[in-house]
Protein backbone atom coordinates (compact mmCIF):
# COMPACT_ATOMS: atom_id res chain seq x y z
CA MET A 1 13.43 -10.03 1.99
CA GLU A 2 16.05 -12.00 4.30
CA LEU A 3 17.98 -10.60 6.96
CA SER A 4 21.37 -12.73 7.54
CA ILE A 5 23.24 -12.89 10.83
CA ASP A 6 26.63 -14.22 10.65
CA ARG A 7 28.55 -15.00 13.70
CA LEU A 8 27.43 -11.67 15.45
CA THR A 9 29.77 -11.16 18.44
CA LYS A 10 30.09 -8.06 20.89
CA HIS A 11 32.67 -7.98 23.71
CA TYR A 12 32.71 -5.30 26.63
CA GLY A 13 36.50 -5.76 27.84
CA ARG A 14 36.65 -9.31 29.15
CA LYS A 15 32.62 -9.70 29.32
CA ILE A 16 30.91 -11.36 26.18
CA ALA A 17 27.63 -9.84 25.40
CA VAL A 18 26.46 -11.48 22.35
CA ASP A 19 28.47 -14.50 21.39
CA CYS A 20 28.88 -15.74 17.76
CA VAL A 21 24.99 -15.63 17.09
CA SER A 22 24.17 -16.83 13.66
CA THR A 23 20.70 -17.03 12.12
CA ILE A 24 18.26 -16.22 9.31
CA LEU A 25 15.26 -14.00 9.28
CA LYS A 26 12.36 -13.71 6.70
CA PRO A 27 9.02 -11.76 6.92
CA GLY A 28 7.40 -12.94 10.02
CA MET A 29 7.05 -12.19 13.69
CA TYR A 30 9.89 -13.20 15.94
CA GLY A 31 10.13 -13.20 19.74
CA LEU A 32 13.13 -12.91 21.41
CA LEU A 33 13.26 -14.35 24.84
CA GLY A 34 15.94 -14.49 27.43
CA GLU A 35 16.50 -13.38 31.04
CA ASN A 36 18.26 -10.06 31.90
CA GLY A 37 21.90 -9.74 31.03
CA ALA A 38 21.46 -12.48 28.02
CA GLY A 39 22.40 -9.88 25.47
CA LYS A 40 18.83 -9.48 23.81
CA THR A 41 19.15 -5.40 23.62
CA THR A 42 22.93 -5.75 22.62
CA LEU A 43 21.77 -7.97 19.75
CA MET A 44 19.01 -5.52 18.75
CA ARG A 45 21.37 -2.54 18.78
CA MET A 46 23.62 -4.38 16.22
CA LEU A 47 21.00 -5.23 13.83
CA CYS A 48 19.84 -1.84 14.01
CA ALA A 49 23.39 -0.64 13.23
CA ILE A 50 23.60 1.44 16.02
CA LEU A 51 26.20 -0.64 17.82
CA GLU A 52 29.20 -1.75 15.90
CA PRO A 53 30.07 -5.52 16.42
CA THR A 54 33.19 -6.91 17.58
CA SER A 55 33.17 -9.20 14.93
CA GLY A 56 30.54 -10.87 12.56
CA GLU A 57 28.20 -9.35 9.91
CA VAL A 58 24.68 -8.56 8.89
CA PHE A 59 23.49 -8.95 5.73
CA LEU A 60 20.09 -7.78 3.82
CA ASP A 61 19.50 -9.52 0.65
CA GLY A 62 23.26 -10.23 0.51
CA ARG A 63 24.33 -6.61 0.95
CA GLU A 64 26.21 -6.06 4.16
CA VAL A 65 24.36 -3.43 6.12
CA SER A 66 27.10 -1.56 7.46
CA ALA A 67 27.74 -0.59 3.91
CA MET A 68 24.34 0.34 3.17
CA GLY A 69 24.03 3.26 5.52
CA ALA A 70 21.38 5.28 5.24
CA ASP A 71 19.39 2.88 2.90
CA TYR A 72 19.57 0.55 5.40
CA ARG A 73 18.33 2.89 8.18
CA ASP A 74 15.39 3.98 5.97
CA LEU A 75 13.95 0.48 6.12
CA LEU A 76 14.06 0.31 9.92
CA GLY A 77 11.84 1.03 12.75
CA TYR A 78 13.32 0.68 16.30
CA LEU A 79 11.61 1.09 19.73
CA PRO A 80 14.65 1.19 22.24
CA GLN A 81 13.70 0.01 25.83
CA ASP A 82 14.01 3.36 27.31
CA PHE A 83 13.20 5.77 24.16
CA GLY A 84 14.10 9.46 24.65
CA TYR A 85 11.22 12.24 24.22
CA TYR A 86 10.72 15.71 24.73
CA PRO A 87 8.42 16.15 27.71
CA ASN A 88 7.31 19.81 26.48
CA TYR A 89 6.39 18.48 22.89
CA SER A 90 2.89 17.38 22.72
CA ALA A 91 2.37 13.90 21.04
CA ARG A 92 1.65 15.18 17.62
CA GLU A 93 4.70 17.85 17.81
CA PHE A 94 7.06 14.87 18.89
CA LEU A 95 6.02 12.55 16.06
CA LEU A 96 6.36 15.20 13.47
CA TYR A 97 9.66 15.95 14.93
CA MET A 98 10.77 12.40 14.42
CA ALA A 99 9.16 12.13 11.10
CA ALA A 100 11.37 15.19 9.93
CA LEU A 101 14.55 13.41 11.64
CA LYS A 102 13.64 10.33 9.44
CA GLY A 103 13.34 12.52 6.29
CA ILE A 104 9.43 12.06 5.59
CA PRO A 105 8.28 15.00 3.63
CA ARG A 106 5.92 17.15 5.81
CA ASP A 107 2.67 16.74 3.81
CA GLN A 108 3.05 12.91 4.11
CA ALA A 109 4.20 13.33 7.82
CA LYS A 110 0.98 15.18 8.81
CA LYS A 111 -1.15 12.40 7.25
CA ARG A 112 0.84 9.64 8.99
CA VAL A 113 1.14 11.13 12.20
CA LYS A 114 -2.75 11.55 12.44
CA GLU A 115 -3.16 7.94 11.08
CA LEU A 116 -0.77 6.61 14.07
CA LEU A 117 -2.40 8.66 16.61
CA GLU A 118 -5.54 6.99 16.03
CA VAL A 119 -3.77 3.60 15.66
CA VAL A 120 -2.24 3.89 19.20
CA ASP A 121 -5.61 5.69 20.44
CA LEU A 122 -4.08 8.75 21.19
CA GLY A 123 -5.83 10.86 18.93
CA SER A 124 -7.74 12.58 21.66
CA VAL A 125 -4.78 13.64 23.44
CA GLU A 126 -2.49 14.68 20.41
CA THR A 127 -2.16 18.26 21.80
CA LYS A 128 -1.42 17.54 25.24
CA LYS A 129 2.30 17.60 26.56
CA LEU A 130 4.07 14.12 26.87
CA ARG A 131 4.83 15.01 30.64
CA THR A 132 1.29 14.78 31.33
CA PHE A 133 1.37 11.51 30.02
CA SER A 134 1.11 8.09 31.99
CA GLY A 135 3.79 5.69 31.19
CA GLY A 136 1.49 3.51 28.99
CA MET A 137 0.78 6.42 26.74
CA LYS A 138 4.29 7.37 26.39
CA GLN A 139 4.96 3.73 25.50
CA ARG A 140 2.38 4.10 22.40
CA VAL A 141 3.87 7.30 21.29
CA GLY A 142 6.94 5.26 21.16
CA ILE A 143 5.41 2.64 19.39
CA ALA A 144 3.97 5.01 16.89
CA GLN A 145 7.42 6.76 16.22
CA ALA A 146 8.80 3.24 15.43
CA LEU A 147 6.16 2.93 12.59
CA LEU A 148 6.42 6.36 11.13
CA ASN A 149 8.36 5.42 7.96
CA HIS A 150 6.51 2.08 7.33
CA PRO A 151 9.45 0.13 8.37
CA GLN A 152 10.47 -3.17 6.36
CA ILE A 153 12.34 -4.25 9.61
CA LEU A 154 10.60 -3.49 12.69
CA ILE A 155 12.70 -3.90 16.11
CA LEU A 156 10.86 -3.56 19.32
CA ASP A 157 12.48 -3.64 22.60
CA GLU A 158 10.00 -4.35 25.67
CA PRO A 159 7.26 -2.70 23.68
CA THR A 160 4.48 -3.91 26.12
CA ALA A 161 6.28 -2.29 29.25
CA GLY A 162 3.82 -0.24 31.15
CA LEU A 163 0.90 -1.11 28.70
CA ASP A 164 -2.54 -2.50 30.47
CA PRO A 165 -3.78 -5.63 29.50
CA LYS A 166 -6.32 -4.14 27.10
CA GLU A 167 -3.50 -1.93 25.44
CA ARG A 168 -1.46 -5.17 24.98
CA VAL A 169 -3.95 -6.90 23.32
CA ARG A 170 -4.62 -3.79 20.89
CA PHE A 171 -0.91 -3.77 20.38
CA ARG A 172 -0.56 -7.45 19.83
CA ASN A 173 -3.37 -7.23 17.05
CA LEU A 174 -1.63 -4.43 15.45
CA ILE A 175 1.78 -5.86 15.26
CA SER A 176 0.56 -9.15 14.21
CA ASP A 177 -1.13 -7.58 11.07
CA TYR A 178 2.09 -5.42 10.33
CA ALA A 179 4.40 -8.87 10.41
CA ASN A 180 2.55 -10.29 7.33
CA ASP A 181 5.34 -9.10 4.93
CA ARG A 182 7.97 -7.54 7.09
CA ILE A 183 10.52 -8.75 9.49
CA VAL A 184 9.44 -8.04 13.07
CA ILE A 185 11.55 -8.83 16.07
CA LEU A 186 9.62 -8.36 19.39
CA SER A 187 11.76 -8.84 22.78
CA THR A 188 9.74 -8.93 25.91
CA HIS A 189 9.88 -10.50 29.36
CA ILE A 190 6.00 -10.93 29.18
CA VAL A 191 6.06 -14.48 27.92
CA SER A 192 2.19 -14.62 27.00
CA ASP A 193 2.65 -11.79 24.38
CA ILE A 194 5.07 -13.79 22.41
CA GLU A 195 2.91 -16.93 22.85
CA ALA A 196 -0.08 -15.06 21.36
CA ILE A 197 1.50 -13.64 18.20
CA ALA A 198 5.11 -15.21 17.49
CA ASP A 199 5.66 -17.24 14.33
CA GLU A 200 9.06 -18.20 15.90
CA VAL A 201 10.88 -18.01 19.13
CA LEU A 202 14.47 -17.10 19.47
CA LEU A 203 15.85 -18.12 22.99
CA MET A 204 19.12 -16.53 24.15
CA ARG A 205 21.03 -17.59 27.14
CA LYS A 206 24.28 -15.83 28.36
CA GLY A 207 25.02 -14.27 24.86
CA LYS A 208 24.12 -17.12 22.86
CA LEU A 209 21.49 -18.18 20.75
CA VAL A 210 20.43 -21.51 22.23
CA SER A 211 16.90 -22.54 20.73
CA ARG A 212 14.68 -21.51 17.71
CA GLY A 213 11.26 -22.71 16.67
CA THR A 214 7.62 -22.40 16.79
CA VAL A 215 5.99 -22.34 20.03
CA SER A 216 4.56 -25.69 19.62
CA GLU A 217 8.11 -26.97 18.74
CA LEU A 218 9.66 -25.42 21.68
CA THR A 219 7.33 -26.72 24.27
CA LYS A 220 7.75 -29.94 23.07
CA GLN A 221 11.21 -29.82 24.76
CA ALA A 222 9.65 -29.45 27.99
CA ALA A 223 7.01 -32.32 27.54
CA GLY A 224 7.21 -34.74 30.33
CA LYS A 225 8.88 -32.22 32.41
CA VAL A 226 5.85 -30.45 33.75
CA TRP A 227 3.84 -31.81 36.71
CA GLU A 228 1.14 -30.71 38.89
CA LEU A 229 0.86 -31.86 42.74
CA ALA A 230 -1.64 -31.32 45.50
CA VAL A 231 -0.15 -30.68 48.62
CA SER A 232 -1.07 -29.09 52.02
CA PRO A 233 -0.20 -25.35 52.73
CA ALA A 234 2.05 -26.81 55.46
CA GLU A 235 3.98 -28.99 52.89
CA ALA A 236 4.02 -26.43 49.97
CA ALA A 237 7.03 -24.31 51.61
CA ARG A 238 9.04 -27.57 51.75
CA TRP A 239 8.39 -28.35 48.22
CA GLN A 240 9.47 -25.00 46.97
CA GLU A 241 13.03 -25.46 48.75
CA LYS A 242 13.56 -28.78 47.01
CA VAL A 243 11.90 -28.46 43.46
CA ALA A 244 11.49 -25.90 40.78
CA VAL A 245 8.06 -24.62 41.16
CA ALA A 246 6.71 -22.72 38.44
CA ASN A 247 3.57 -22.01 39.79
CA LEU A 248 1.01 -22.47 42.68
CA ARG A 249 -2.41 -21.69 43.46
CA HIS A 250 -4.89 -22.67 46.37
CA GLU A 251 -7.93 -25.13 45.77
CA GLY A 252 -9.80 -25.09 49.01
CA GLU A 253 -7.60 -26.31 51.71
CA GLN A 254 -4.98 -27.69 49.23
CA VAL A 255 -2.15 -25.92 47.20
CA ILE A 256 -1.76 -27.02 43.50
CA LEU A 257 2.26 -26.81 42.75
CA ARG A 258 3.04 -26.70 39.11
CA ILE A 259 6.47 -28.23 39.18
CA LEU A 260 9.47 -28.62 36.69
CA SER A 261 11.29 -31.65 37.04
CA ASP A 262 12.75 -34.45 34.67
CA ASN A 263 11.40 -36.94 36.53
CA ARG A 264 7.91 -37.57 38.40
CA PRO A 265 8.82 -35.50 41.59
CA ALA A 266 6.07 -37.58 44.07
CA GLU A 267 3.79 -40.81 43.09
CA ALA A 268 0.81 -38.35 43.27
CA ALA A 269 2.39 -35.97 40.76
CA VAL A 270 0.47 -35.86 37.46
CA CYS A 271 2.01 -34.99 34.15
CA CYS A 272 0.31 -32.08 32.48
CA GLU A 273 1.13 -30.15 28.99
CA ALA A 274 3.86 -27.75 28.89
CA THR A 275 3.44 -23.96 27.96
CA LEU A 276 6.24 -21.41 26.42
CA GLU A 277 6.51 -20.00 30.13
CA ASP A 278 7.55 -23.72 31.41
CA LEU A 279 10.11 -23.92 28.91
CA TYR A 280 11.27 -20.46 29.68
CA LEU A 281 11.63 -21.29 33.34
CA GLN A 282 13.03 -24.60 32.70
CA SER A 283 15.80 -23.04 30.49
CA PHE A 284 16.99 -20.57 32.83
CA ARG A 285 16.77 -22.47 36.41
CA GLU A 286 19.89 -22.91 37.89
């Protein structure tokens, strides 16, 4: 299976949301990183054929997806950033309703819904109304609905929003296994989620795809540009005004600054190993 994106572009008046993006995706886990307004959601909505591009095309195994219609939608699972739900439905009722919309036969749907409610750890509350659920529980219902039809292409927009650390680990394990023979695209601001499971990372900036590679390949771009410097608390504020500080921590009477700089910021600064978060912050600092 191969999803080919060819010069995909979306304009809203004079604003360019997605700017001539081209790439090829094969089975695996892809992390989509970018700041707010980078075009991630617009790109994913076009990949789901929900939003019509201004120009450019998307092909699945050589077939244009806009011409595939329902055949393409049958292969898709999508969790939008803010998915709609009916507050007076129970978790089970809502998933059965979504299964019906996806054309899944009722007998199969009952079995699949029961299975997914256990997978997302909601089996014990399946008859409770969605209006009583916490944000994290609602998000898990959203993840379950995206998986109902065993999609071959799974697109998830901020799926870990509202999940606690334990839920995030459970989700990452689930999706990592799922991506073995399917295309999974995961957009999130939580860099550690992508760092933990993505086979490749796609970095978007101002509508353009600016980098693509494995975590180790991309972090090499920040090699030699990440430094740690121990300063006094009084000096810390001054340093934050003149350099990009990715992190700071207190150790005794000192403050350890993690600084992003092309050059050694001070004689006492020590070069350290770059992370994906360092690269992300470096890519979007002005």
